PDB file of N, CA and C in Angstrom:
ATOM      1  N   MET A   1       6.606  10.595   3.093  1.00  0.00           N
ATOM      2  CA  MET A   1       5.978   9.969   2.211  1.00  0.00           C
ATOM      3  C   MET A   1       5.966   9.905   1.364  1.00  0.00           C
ATOM      4  N   PHE A   2       6.938   8.950  -0.241  1.00  0.00           N
ATOM      5  CA  PHE A   2       5.744   8.408  -1.395  1.00  0.00           C
ATOM      6  C   PHE A   2       5.638   7.414  -1.912  1.00  0.00           C
ATOM      7  N   LEU A   3       4.365   7.252  -2.696  1.00  0.00           N
ATOM      8  CA  LEU A   3       3.986   5.944  -3.127  1.00  0.00           C
ATOM      9  C   LEU A   3       4.435   6.562  -4.548  1.00  0.00           C
ATOM     10  N   ILE A   4       5.274   4.673  -4.741  1.00  0.00           N
ATOM     11  CA  ILE A   4       5.712   4.564  -6.243  1.00  0.00           C
ATOM     12  C   ILE A   4       4.640   3.441  -7.207  1.00  0.00           C
ATOM     13  N   GLY A   5       3.896   3.910  -8.406  1.00  0.00           N
ATOM     14  CA  GLY A   5       3.440   3.096  -9.187  1.00  0.00           C
ATOM     15  C   GLY A   5       2.837   3.681  -9.778  1.00  0.00           C
ATOM     16  N   GLN A   6       1.897   3.444 -10.820  1.00  0.00           N
ATOM     17  CA  GLN A   6       0.956   3.828 -11.513  1.00  0.00           C
ATOM     18  C   GLN A   6      -0.847   3.340 -11.086  1.00  0.00           C
ATOM     19  N   TYR A   7      -1.758   4.918 -11.213  1.00  0.00           N
ATOM     20  CA  TYR A   7      -2.534   4.286 -10.487  1.00  0.00           C
ATOM     21  C   TYR A   7      -3.947   3.423 -11.832  1.00  0.00           C
ATOM     22  N   ASP A   8      -3.184   2.233 -12.756  1.00  0.00           N
ATOM     23  CA  ASP A   8      -3.862   1.762 -13.066  1.00  0.00           C
ATOM     24  C   ASP A   8      -3.593   0.598 -12.731  1.00  0.00           C
ATOM     25  N   SER A   9      -2.813   0.519 -11.767  1.00  0.00           N
ATOM     26  CA  SER A   9      -2.773  -0.842 -11.106  1.00  0.00           C
ATOM     27  C   SER A   9      -3.403  -0.752  -9.921  1.00  0.00           C
ATOM     28  N   PRO A  10      -4.473  -2.130 -10.136  1.00  0.00           N
ATOM     29  CA  PRO A  10      -5.350  -2.349  -8.362  1.00  0.00           C
ATOM     30  C   PRO A  10      -4.948  -1.460  -7.411  1.00  0.00           C
ATOM     31  N   PHE A  11      -3.285  -2.455  -6.914  1.00  0.00           N
ATOM     32  CA  PHE A  11      -2.804  -2.663  -5.905  1.00  0.00           C
ATOM     33  C   PHE A  11      -2.740  -1.242  -5.454  1.00  0.00           C
ATOM     34  N   VAL A  12      -1.893  -0.059  -6.031  1.00  0.00           N
ATOM     35  CA  VAL A  12      -1.161   1.005  -6.368  1.00  0.00           C
ATOM     36  C   VAL A  12      -2.631   1.910  -5.583  1.00  0.00           C
ATOM     37  N   ARG A  13      -3.665   1.678  -6.601  1.00  0.00           N
ATOM     38  CA  ARG A  13      -4.798   2.177  -6.215  1.00  0.00           C
ATOM     39  C   ARG A  13      -5.201   2.068  -4.955  1.00  0.00           C
ATOM     40  N   ARG A  14      -5.507   0.944  -4.437  1.00  0.00           N
ATOM     41  CA  ARG A  14      -6.389   0.540  -2.914  1.00  0.00           C
ATOM     42  C   ARG A  14      -5.001   1.094  -2.213  1.00  0.00           C
ATOM     43  N   VAL A  15      -3.851   1.161  -1.884  1.00  0.00           N
ATOM     44  CA  VAL A  15      -3.262   2.131  -0.697  1.00  0.00           C
ATOM     45  C   VAL A  15      -3.007   3.191  -1.667  1.00  0.00           C
ATOM     46  N   ALA A  16      -3.329   4.167  -2.362  1.00  0.00           N
ATOM     47  CA  ALA A  16      -3.422   5.489  -2.386  1.00  0.00           C
ATOM     48  C   ALA A  16      -5.077   5.989  -1.591  1.00  0.00           C
ATOM     49  N   ILE A  17      -6.319   5.077  -1.913  1.00  0.00           N
ATOM     50  CA  ILE A  17      -7.409   5.224  -1.481  1.00  0.00           C
ATOM     51  C   ILE A  17      -7.063   5.600  -0.549  1.00  0.00           C
ATOM     52  N   ALA A  18      -6.608   4.170   0.792  1.00  0.00           N
ATOM     53  CA  ALA A  18      -6.414   3.937   2.103  1.00  0.00           C
ATOM     54  C   ALA A  18      -6.037   5.414   2.505  1.00  0.00           C
ATOM     55  N   LEU A  19      -4.439   5.940   1.777  1.00  0.00           N
ATOM     56  CA  LEU A  19      -3.729   6.912   2.268  1.00  0.00           C
ATOM     57  C   LEU A  19      -4.939   8.301   2.451  1.00  0.00           C
ATOM     58  N   LYS A  20      -5.634   8.651   0.941  1.00  0.00           N
ATOM     59  CA  LYS A  20      -6.209   9.307   1.155  1.00  0.00           C
ATOM     60  C   LYS A  20      -7.478   9.416   2.231  1.00  0.00           C
ATOM     61  N   LEU A  21      -7.988   8.101   2.572  1.00  0.00           N
ATOM     62  CA  LEU A  21      -9.114   7.922   3.432  1.00  0.00           C
ATOM     63  C   LEU A  21      -8.982   8.350   4.648  1.00  0.00           C
ATOM     64  N   TYR A  22      -7.292   7.933   5.407  1.00  0.00           N
ATOM     65  CA  TYR A  22      -6.878   8.420   6.395  1.00  0.00           C
ATOM     66  C   TYR A  22      -6.162   9.571   6.451  1.00  0.00           C
ATOM     67  N   GLY A  23      -6.249  10.872   5.350  1.00  0.00           N
ATOM     68  CA  GLY A  23      -5.927  12.033   5.801  1.00  0.00           C
ATOM     69  C   GLY A  23      -4.133  11.883   5.759  1.00  0.00           C
ATOM     70  N   LEU A  24      -3.723  11.041   5.070  1.00  0.00           N
ATOM     71  CA  LEU A  24      -2.337  11.237   5.003  1.00  0.00           C
ATOM     72  C   LEU A  24      -1.659  11.475   3.955  1.00  0.00           C
ATOM     73  N   ALA A  25      -0.596  12.571   3.725  1.00  0.00           N
ATOM     74  CA  ALA A  25       0.106  13.166   3.342  1.00  0.00           C
ATOM     75  C   ALA A  25       1.079  12.372   2.616  1.00  0.00           C
ATOM     76  N   PHE A  26       1.037  12.452   0.867  1.00  0.00           N
ATOM     77  CA  PHE A  26       1.979  11.824   0.344  1.00  0.00           C
ATOM     78  C   PHE A  26       2.059  12.233  -1.401  1.00  0.00           C
ATOM     79  N   GLU A  27       3.719  12.002  -1.482  1.00  0.00           N
ATOM     80  CA  GLU A  27       4.107  12.318  -2.508  1.00  0.00           C
ATOM     81  C   GLU A  27       3.630  10.858  -3.768  1.00  0.00           C
ATOM     82  N   HIS A  28       3.251  11.134  -4.781  1.00  0.00           N
ATOM     83  CA  HIS A  28       3.147  10.144  -5.766  1.00  0.00           C
ATOM     84  C   HIS A  28       4.190  10.192  -6.556  1.00  0.00           C
ATOM     85  N   ARG A  29       4.742   9.273  -7.468  1.00  0.00           N
ATOM     86  CA  ARG A  29       5.362   8.952  -8.151  1.00  0.00           C
ATOM     87  C   ARG A  29       5.327   7.953  -8.737  1.00  0.00           C
ATOM     88  N   PRO A  30       4.163   8.239 -10.177  1.00  0.00           N
ATOM     89  CA  PRO A  30       3.491   7.585 -11.537  1.00  0.00           C
ATOM     90  C   PRO A  30       4.717   6.138 -11.870  1.00  0.00           C
ATOM     91  N   TRP A  31       5.715   5.476 -11.435  1.00  0.00           N
ATOM     92  CA  TRP A  31       6.433   4.738 -12.072  1.00  0.00           C
ATOM     93  C   TRP A  31       6.401   3.741 -12.775  1.00  0.00           C
ATOM     94  N   SER A  32       6.684   3.488 -13.853  1.00  0.00           N
ATOM     95  CA  SER A  32       6.408   1.874 -14.961  1.00  0.00           C
ATOM     96  C   SER A  32       7.342   0.922 -14.334  1.00  0.00           C
ATOM     97  N   THR A  33       6.317  -0.251 -13.648  1.00  0.00           N
ATOM     98  CA  THR A  33       7.590  -1.192 -13.628  1.00  0.00           C
ATOM     99  C   THR A  33       8.502  -2.249 -14.543  1.00  0.00           C
ATOM    100  N   PHE A  34       8.029  -1.325 -16.061  1.00  0.00           N
ATOM    101  CA  PHE A  34       8.381  -1.853 -16.964  1.00  0.00           C
ATOM    102  C   PHE A  34       9.674  -0.533 -17.592  1.00  0.00           C
ATOM    103  N   GLY A  35       9.273   1.024 -18.260  1.00  0.00           N
ATOM    104  CA  GLY A  35       9.719   1.636 -18.125  1.00  0.00           C
ATOM    105  C   GLY A  35      10.449   2.406 -17.338  1.00  0.00           C
ATOM    106  N   ASP A  36      10.308   2.241 -15.709  1.00  0.00           N
ATOM    107  CA  ASP A  36      11.060   3.303 -14.621  1.00  0.00           C
ATOM    108  C   ASP A  36      11.646   1.956 -13.900  1.00  0.00           C
ATOM    109  N   ALA A  37      12.021   0.569 -14.262  1.00  0.00           N
ATOM    110  CA  ALA A  37      12.174  -0.357 -13.055  1.00  0.00           C
ATOM    111  C   ALA A  37      13.614   0.425 -12.457  1.00  0.00           C
ATOM    112  N   ASP A  38      14.244   0.595 -13.359  1.00  0.00           N
ATOM    113  CA  ASP A  38      16.181   0.903 -12.922  1.00  0.00           C
ATOM    114  C   ASP A  38      15.529   2.200 -11.925  1.00  0.00           C
ATOM    115  N   GLN A  39      14.720   2.753 -11.521  1.00  0.00           N
ATOM    116  CA  GLN A  39      14.612   3.941 -10.663  1.00  0.00           C
ATOM    117  C   GLN A  39      13.644   3.554  -9.342  1.00  0.00           C
ATOM    118  N   ILE A  40      12.826   2.555  -9.613  1.00  0.00           N
ATOM    119  CA  ILE A  40      11.987   1.564  -8.729  1.00  0.00           C
ATOM    120  C   ILE A  40      13.277   0.416  -7.591  1.00  0.00           C
ATOM    121  N   ALA A  41      14.565   0.167  -8.394  1.00  0.00           N
ATOM    122  CA  ALA A  41      14.699  -0.600  -8.149  1.00  0.00           C
ATOM    123  C   ALA A  41      16.108  -0.685  -6.561  1.00  0.00           C
ATOM    124  N   PRO A  42      16.500   1.098  -6.748  1.00  0.00           N
ATOM    125  CA  PRO A  42      16.897   0.894  -5.232  1.00  0.00           C
ATOM    126  C   PRO A  42      15.646   0.841  -4.145  1.00  0.00           C
ATOM    127  N   TYR A  43      14.525   1.164  -4.147  1.00  0.00           N
ATOM    128  CA  TYR A  43      13.435   1.409  -3.348  1.00  0.00           C
ATOM    129  C   TYR A  43      12.990  -0.567  -2.877  1.00  0.00           C
ATOM    130  N   ASN A  44      13.252  -1.077  -3.928  1.00  0.00           N
ATOM    131  CA  ASN A  44      12.294  -2.380  -4.107  1.00  0.00           C
ATOM    132  C   ASN A  44      13.225  -3.223  -5.160  1.00  0.00           C
ATOM    133  N   PRO A  45      14.220  -3.813  -4.743  1.00  0.00           N
ATOM    134  CA  PRO A  45      14.729  -5.210  -5.731  1.00  0.00           C
ATOM    135  C   PRO A  45      13.762  -5.864  -6.497  1.00  0.00           C
ATOM    136  N   LEU A  46      12.758  -5.876  -6.166  1.00  0.00           N
ATOM    137  CA  LEU A  46      12.054  -7.197  -6.882  1.00  0.00           C
ATOM    138  C   LEU A  46      11.673  -5.937  -8.099  1.00  0.00           C
ATOM    139  N   ARG A  47      11.763  -4.650  -8.064  1.00  0.00           N
ATOM    140  CA  ARG A  47      10.863  -3.476  -9.066  1.00  0.00           C
ATOM    141  C   ARG A  47       9.851  -3.494  -9.560  1.00  0.00           C
ATOM    142  N   ARG A  48       8.739  -3.693  -8.597  1.00  0.00           N
ATOM    143  CA  ARG A  48       7.493  -4.006  -8.405  1.00  0.00           C
ATOM    144  C   ARG A  48       6.793  -2.944  -7.571  1.00  0.00           C
ATOM    145  N   VAL A  49       5.349  -2.826  -8.244  1.00  0.00           N
ATOM    146  CA  VAL A  49       4.885  -1.597  -7.402  1.00  0.00           C
ATOM    147  C   VAL A  49       3.374  -2.270  -6.535  1.00  0.00           C
ATOM    148  N   PRO A  50       3.002  -2.262  -5.848  1.00  0.00           N
ATOM    149  CA  PRO A  50       3.246  -0.611  -4.989  1.00  0.00           C
ATOM    150  C   PRO A  50       4.441  -0.826  -4.114  1.00  0.00           C
ATOM    151  N   THR A  51       4.934   0.302  -4.037  1.00  0.00           N
ATOM    152  CA  THR A  51       5.877   0.559  -2.821  1.00  0.00           C
ATOM    153  C   THR A  51       5.749   1.490  -2.400  1.00  0.00           C
ATOM    154  N   LEU A  52       5.810   1.810  -0.852  1.00  0.00           N
ATOM    155  CA  LEU A  52       5.700   3.245  -0.003  1.00  0.00           C
ATOM    156  C   LEU A  52       6.780   3.399   0.637  1.00  0.00           C
ATOM    157  N   VAL A  53       7.338   4.260   0.533  1.00  0.00           N
ATOM    158  CA  VAL A  53       8.817   4.347   1.087  1.00  0.00           C
ATOM    159  C   VAL A  53       8.458   6.086   2.124  1.00  0.00           C
ATOM    160  N   LEU A  54       8.944   5.608   3.106  1.00  0.00           N
ATOM    161  CA  LEU A  54       8.290   6.177   4.507  1.00  0.00           C
ATOM    162  C   LEU A  54       9.426   7.784   4.651  1.00  0.00           C
ATOM    163  N   ASP A  55       8.969   8.399   5.089  1.00  0.00           N
ATOM    164  CA  ASP A  55      10.100   9.396   5.385  1.00  0.00           C
ATOM    165  C   ASP A  55      11.549   9.354   5.679  1.00  0.00           C
ATOM    166  N   ASP A  56      11.845   8.060   6.342  1.00  0.00           N
ATOM    167  CA  ASP A  56      12.685   7.653   7.265  1.00  0.00           C
ATOM    168  C   ASP A  56      13.346   6.810   5.879  1.00  0.00           C
ATOM    169  N   GLY A  57      13.007   6.594   4.713  1.00  0.00           N
ATOM    170  CA  GLY A  57      13.885   5.946   4.156  1.00  0.00           C
ATOM    171  C   GLY A  57      13.274   4.604   4.170  1.00  0.00           C
ATOM    172  N   GLU A  58      12.789   3.644   5.128  1.00  0.00           N
ATOM    173  CA  GLU A  58      12.485   2.447   4.977  1.00  0.00           C
ATOM    174  C   GLU A  58      11.222   2.442   3.347  1.00  0.00           C
ATOM    175  N   ALA A  59      11.518   1.059   3.043  1.00  0.00           N
ATOM    176  CA  ALA A  59      10.261   1.421   1.527  1.00  0.00           C
ATOM    177  C   ALA A  59       9.767  -0.333   2.230  1.00  0.00           C
ATOM    178  N   LEU A  60       8.450   0.023   2.116  1.00  0.00           N
ATOM    179  CA  LEU A  60       7.789  -0.886   2.621  1.00  0.00           C
ATOM    180  C   LEU A  60       6.922  -1.489   0.666  1.00  0.00           C
ATOM    181  N   ILE A  61       6.905  -3.134   1.042  1.00  0.00           N
ATOM    182  CA  ILE A  61       6.439  -3.345  -0.602  1.00  0.00           C
ATOM    183  C   ILE A  61       5.281  -4.492  -0.418  1.00  0.00           C
ATOM    184  N   GLU A  62       4.565  -4.101  -1.651  1.00  0.00           N
ATOM    185  CA  GLU A  62       3.182  -5.153  -1.271  1.00  0.00           C
ATOM    186  C   GLU A  62       2.466  -4.517  -0.822  1.00  0.00           C
ATOM    187  N   SER A  63       0.907  -4.382  -1.508  1.00  0.00           N
ATOM    188  CA  SER A  63      -0.065  -3.801  -1.078  1.00  0.00           C
ATOM    189  C   SER A  63      -0.698  -4.604   0.600  1.00  0.00           C
ATOM    190  N   THR A  64      -0.608  -5.328   0.489  1.00  0.00           N
ATOM    191  CA  THR A  64      -1.394  -5.938   1.694  1.00  0.00           C
ATOM    192  C   THR A  64      -0.575  -5.385   3.048  1.00  0.00           C
ATOM    193  N   ILE A  65       1.246  -5.329   2.943  1.00  0.00           N
ATOM    194  CA  ILE A  65       1.991  -5.051   4.193  1.00  0.00           C
ATOM    195  C   ILE A  65       1.377  -3.638   4.190  1.00  0.00           C
ATOM    196  N   ILE A  66       1.715  -2.841   3.110  1.00  0.00           N
ATOM    197  CA  ILE A  66       1.346  -1.412   3.053  1.00  0.00           C
ATOM    198  C   ILE A  66       0.360  -1.052   3.996  1.00  0.00           C
ATOM    199  N   LEU A  67      -1.117  -1.702   3.736  1.00  0.00           N
ATOM    200  CA  LEU A  67      -2.169  -1.523   4.309  1.00  0.00           C
ATOM    201  C   LEU A  67      -2.046  -2.084   5.654  1.00  0.00           C
ATOM    202  N   ASP A  68      -1.072  -2.855   6.120  1.00  0.00           N
ATOM    203  CA  ASP A  68      -1.534  -3.252   7.107  1.00  0.00           C
ATOM    204  C   ASP A  68      -0.448  -1.999   8.160  1.00  0.00           C
ATOM    205  N   TYR A  69       0.680  -1.702   7.658  1.00  0.00           N
ATOM    206  CA  TYR A  69       1.135  -0.693   8.443  1.00  0.00           C
ATOM    207  C   TYR A  69       0.065   0.725   8.382  1.00  0.00           C
ATOM    208  N   LEU A  70      -0.389   0.873   7.692  1.00  0.00           N
ATOM    209  CA  LEU A  70      -1.278   2.380   7.574  1.00  0.00           C
ATOM    210  C   LEU A  70      -2.290   2.505   8.506  1.00  0.00           C
ATOM    211  N   ASP A  71      -2.840   0.738   8.874  1.00  0.00           N
ATOM    212  CA  ASP A  71      -3.972   0.746   9.419  1.00  0.00           C
ATOM    213  C   ASP A  71      -3.289   1.210  11.146  1.00  0.00           C
ATOM    214  N   ASP A  72      -1.501   0.334  11.583  1.00  0.00           N
ATOM    215  CA  ASP A  72      -1.062   0.467  12.862  1.00  0.00           C
ATOM    216  C   ASP A  72      -0.828   2.183  12.500  1.00  0.00           C
ATOM    217  N   LEU A  73      -0.692   2.427  11.988  1.00  0.00           N
ATOM    218  CA  LEU A  73      -0.315   4.167  12.156  1.00  0.00           C
ATOM    219  C   LEU A  73      -1.191   4.935  12.311  1.00  0.00           C
ATOM    220  N   VAL A  74      -2.673   4.580  11.662  1.00  0.00           N
ATOM    221  CA  VAL A  74      -3.865   5.455  12.327  1.00  0.00           C
ATOM    222  C   VAL A  74      -4.067   5.380  13.699  1.00  0.00           C
ATOM    223  N   GLY A  75      -4.014   3.717  14.108  1.00  0.00           N
ATOM    224  CA  GLY A  75      -4.580   3.413  15.412  1.00  0.00           C
ATOM    225  C   GLY A  75      -5.650   2.564  15.306  1.00  0.00           C
ATOM    226  N   ASP A  76      -6.494   1.797  16.132  1.00  0.00           N
ATOM    227  CA  ASP A  76      -7.481   1.142  16.119  1.00  0.00           C
ATOM    228  C   ASP A  76      -8.824   1.759  15.968  1.00  0.00           C
ATOM    229  N   ALA A  77      -9.218   2.818  16.449  1.00  0.00           N
ATOM    230  CA  ALA A  77      -9.757   3.640  16.068  1.00  0.00           C
ATOM    231  C   ALA A  77     -10.330   3.872  14.451  1.00  0.00           C
ATOM    232  N   LYS A  78      -9.189   3.995  13.775  1.00  0.00           N
ATOM    233  CA  LYS A  78      -9.180   4.663  12.380  1.00  0.00           C
ATOM    234  C   LYS A  78      -9.000   3.582  11.412  1.00  0.00           C
ATOM    235  N   ALA A  79      -8.837   2.435  11.838  1.00  0.00           N
ATOM    236  CA  ALA A  79      -8.170   1.583  11.300  1.00  0.00           C
ATOM    237  C   ALA A  79      -8.997   0.945  10.709  1.00  0.00           C
ATOM    238  N   MET A  80      -9.012  -0.147   9.362  1.00  0.00           N
ATOM    239  CA  MET A  80      -9.999  -0.235   7.578  1.00  0.00           C
ATOM    240  C   MET A  80      -9.865  -1.645   8.822  1.00  0.00           C
ATOM    241  N   LEU A  81      -9.506  -2.135   9.101  1.00  0.00           N
ATOM    242  CA  LEU A  81      -9.272  -3.892   9.455  1.00  0.00           C
ATOM    243  C   LEU A  81      -9.564  -3.701  11.096  1.00  0.00           C
ATOM    244  N   PRO A  82     -10.167  -4.622  11.714  1.00  0.00           N
ATOM    245  CA  PRO A  82     -10.271  -5.412  13.002  1.00  0.00           C
ATOM    246  C   PRO A  82      -8.579  -5.812  13.465  1.00  0.00           C
ATOM    247  N   ARG A  83      -8.232  -5.640  13.874  1.00  0.00           N
ATOM    248  CA  ARG A  83      -6.446  -6.114  14.971  1.00  0.00           C
ATOM    249  C   ARG A  83      -6.610  -7.664  14.904  1.00  0.00           C
ATOM    250  N   SER A  84      -7.328  -8.361  15.199  1.00  0.00           N
ATOM    251  CA  SER A  84      -7.353  -9.647  15.522  1.00  0.00           C
ATOM    252  C   SER A  84      -8.874 -10.528  15.532  1.00  0.00           C
ATOM    253  N   GLY A  85      -8.604 -11.495  15.024  1.00  0.00           N
ATOM    254  CA  GLY A  85     -10.032 -12.542  15.632  1.00  0.00           C
ATOM    255  C   GLY A  85     -10.681 -12.864  14.324  1.00  0.00           C
ATOM    256  N   ALA A  86     -12.453 -13.523  14.206  1.00  0.00           N
ATOM    257  CA  ALA A  86     -12.898 -13.431  13.422  1.00  0.00           C
ATOM    258  C   ALA A  86     -13.295 -12.660  12.271  1.00  0.00           C
ATOM    259  N   GLU A  87     -13.499 -11.173  13.229  1.00  0.00           N
ATOM    260  CA  GLU A  87     -13.995 -10.066  11.957  1.00  0.00           C
ATOM    261  C   GLU A  87     -12.394  -9.710  11.375  1.00  0.00           C
ATOM    262  N   ARG A  88     -11.454  -9.911  11.497  1.00  0.00           N
ATOM    263  CA  ARG A  88     -10.209  -9.660  10.973  1.00  0.00           C
ATOM    264  C   ARG A  88     -10.080 -10.502  10.167  1.00  0.00           C
ATOM    265  N   ARG A  89     -10.185 -11.764  10.309  1.00  0.00           N
ATOM    266  CA  ARG A  89     -10.325 -13.050   8.973  1.00  0.00           C
ATOM    267  C   ARG A  89     -11.366 -12.638   7.970  1.00  0.00           C
ATOM    268  N   LYS A  90     -12.340 -12.375   8.329  1.00  0.00           N
ATOM    269  CA  LYS A  90     -13.833 -11.862   7.455  1.00  0.00           C
ATOM    270  C   LYS A  90     -13.548 -11.030   6.848  1.00  0.00           C
ATOM    271  N   HIS A  91     -12.748  -9.916   6.969  1.00  0.00           N
ATOM    272  CA  HIS A  91     -12.537  -8.444   6.351  1.00  0.00           C
ATOM    273  C   HIS A  91     -11.274  -9.201   5.243  1.00  0.00           C
ATOM    274  N   LEU A  92     -10.390  -9.877   5.959  1.00  0.00           N
ATOM    275  CA  LEU A  92      -9.118 -10.074   4.972  1.00  0.00           C
ATOM    276  C   LEU A  92      -9.560 -10.756   3.887  1.00  0.00           C
ATOM    277  N   ARG A  93     -10.671 -11.994   3.794  1.00  0.00           N
ATOM    278  CA  ARG A  93     -11.101 -12.655   3.037  1.00  0.00           C
ATOM    279  C   ARG A  93     -11.604 -11.813   2.264  1.00  0.00           C
ATOM    280  N   ILE A  94     -12.719 -11.056   2.109  1.00  0.00           N
ATOM    281  CA  ILE A  94     -12.904 -10.064   1.513  1.00  0.00           C
ATOM    282  C   ILE A  94     -12.193  -9.331   0.520  1.00  0.00           C
ATOM    283  N   CYS A  95     -11.226  -8.720   0.931  1.00  0.00           N
ATOM    284  CA  CYS A  95      -9.984  -8.188   0.441  1.00  0.00           C
ATOM    285  C   CYS A  95      -9.206  -9.160  -0.406  1.00  0.00           C
ATOM    286  N   ALA A  96      -9.385 -10.309   0.093  1.00  0.00           N
ATOM    287  CA  ALA A  96      -8.399 -10.885  -1.026  1.00  0.00           C
ATOM    288  C   ALA A  96      -9.164 -11.814  -2.343  1.00  0.00           C
ATOM    289  N   LEU A  97     -10.804 -11.407  -2.137  1.00  0.00           N
ATOM    290  CA  LEU A  97     -11.755 -11.685  -2.900  1.00  0.00           C
ATOM    291  C   LEU A  97     -11.726 -10.493  -3.819  1.00  0.00           C
ATOM    292  N   ALA A  98     -11.989  -9.182  -3.704  1.00  0.00           N
ATOM    293  CA  ALA A  98     -11.760  -8.078  -4.332  1.00  0.00           C
ATOM    294  C   ALA A  98     -10.225  -8.331  -5.281  1.00  0.00           C
ATOM    295  N   SER A  99      -9.112  -8.414  -4.704  1.00  0.00           N
ATOM    296  CA  SER A  99      -8.232  -8.272  -5.228  1.00  0.00           C
ATOM    297  C   SER A  99      -8.021  -9.035  -6.029  1.00  0.00           C
ATOM    298  N   GLY A 100      -8.411 -10.496  -6.265  1.00  0.00           N
ATOM    299  CA  GLY A 100      -8.187 -11.719  -7.246  1.00  0.00           C
ATOM    300  C   GLY A 100      -9.037 -11.447  -8.298  1.00  0.00           C
ATOM    301  N   LEU A 101     -10.487 -10.057  -8.120  1.00  0.00           N
ATOM    302  CA  LEU A 101     -11.332  -9.925  -9.282  1.00  0.00           C
ATOM    303  C   LEU A 101     -10.538  -9.112 -10.046  1.00  0.00           C
TER     304      LEU A 101
END
């Protein structure tokens, strides 16, 4: 799989950090939404980052969706967020606050 976007984006960084913490192999394509928008478009018609392209060609967009996928991929024992309930909402709130900073 490969991750599209530059690490100066906090959203790209949070996905890259999760991939590394989970020990998942990925290729990094540091494409810019400004200079490389035409390269991003086939994977994400919004031309935004991060975009994670899976080995089967499926492209996931938006960091929250990508992180949810990664949690599901590694399973409950390694997932960063609880699957449901008050604890999940608590953690998602922290994520939302951190993303807004």
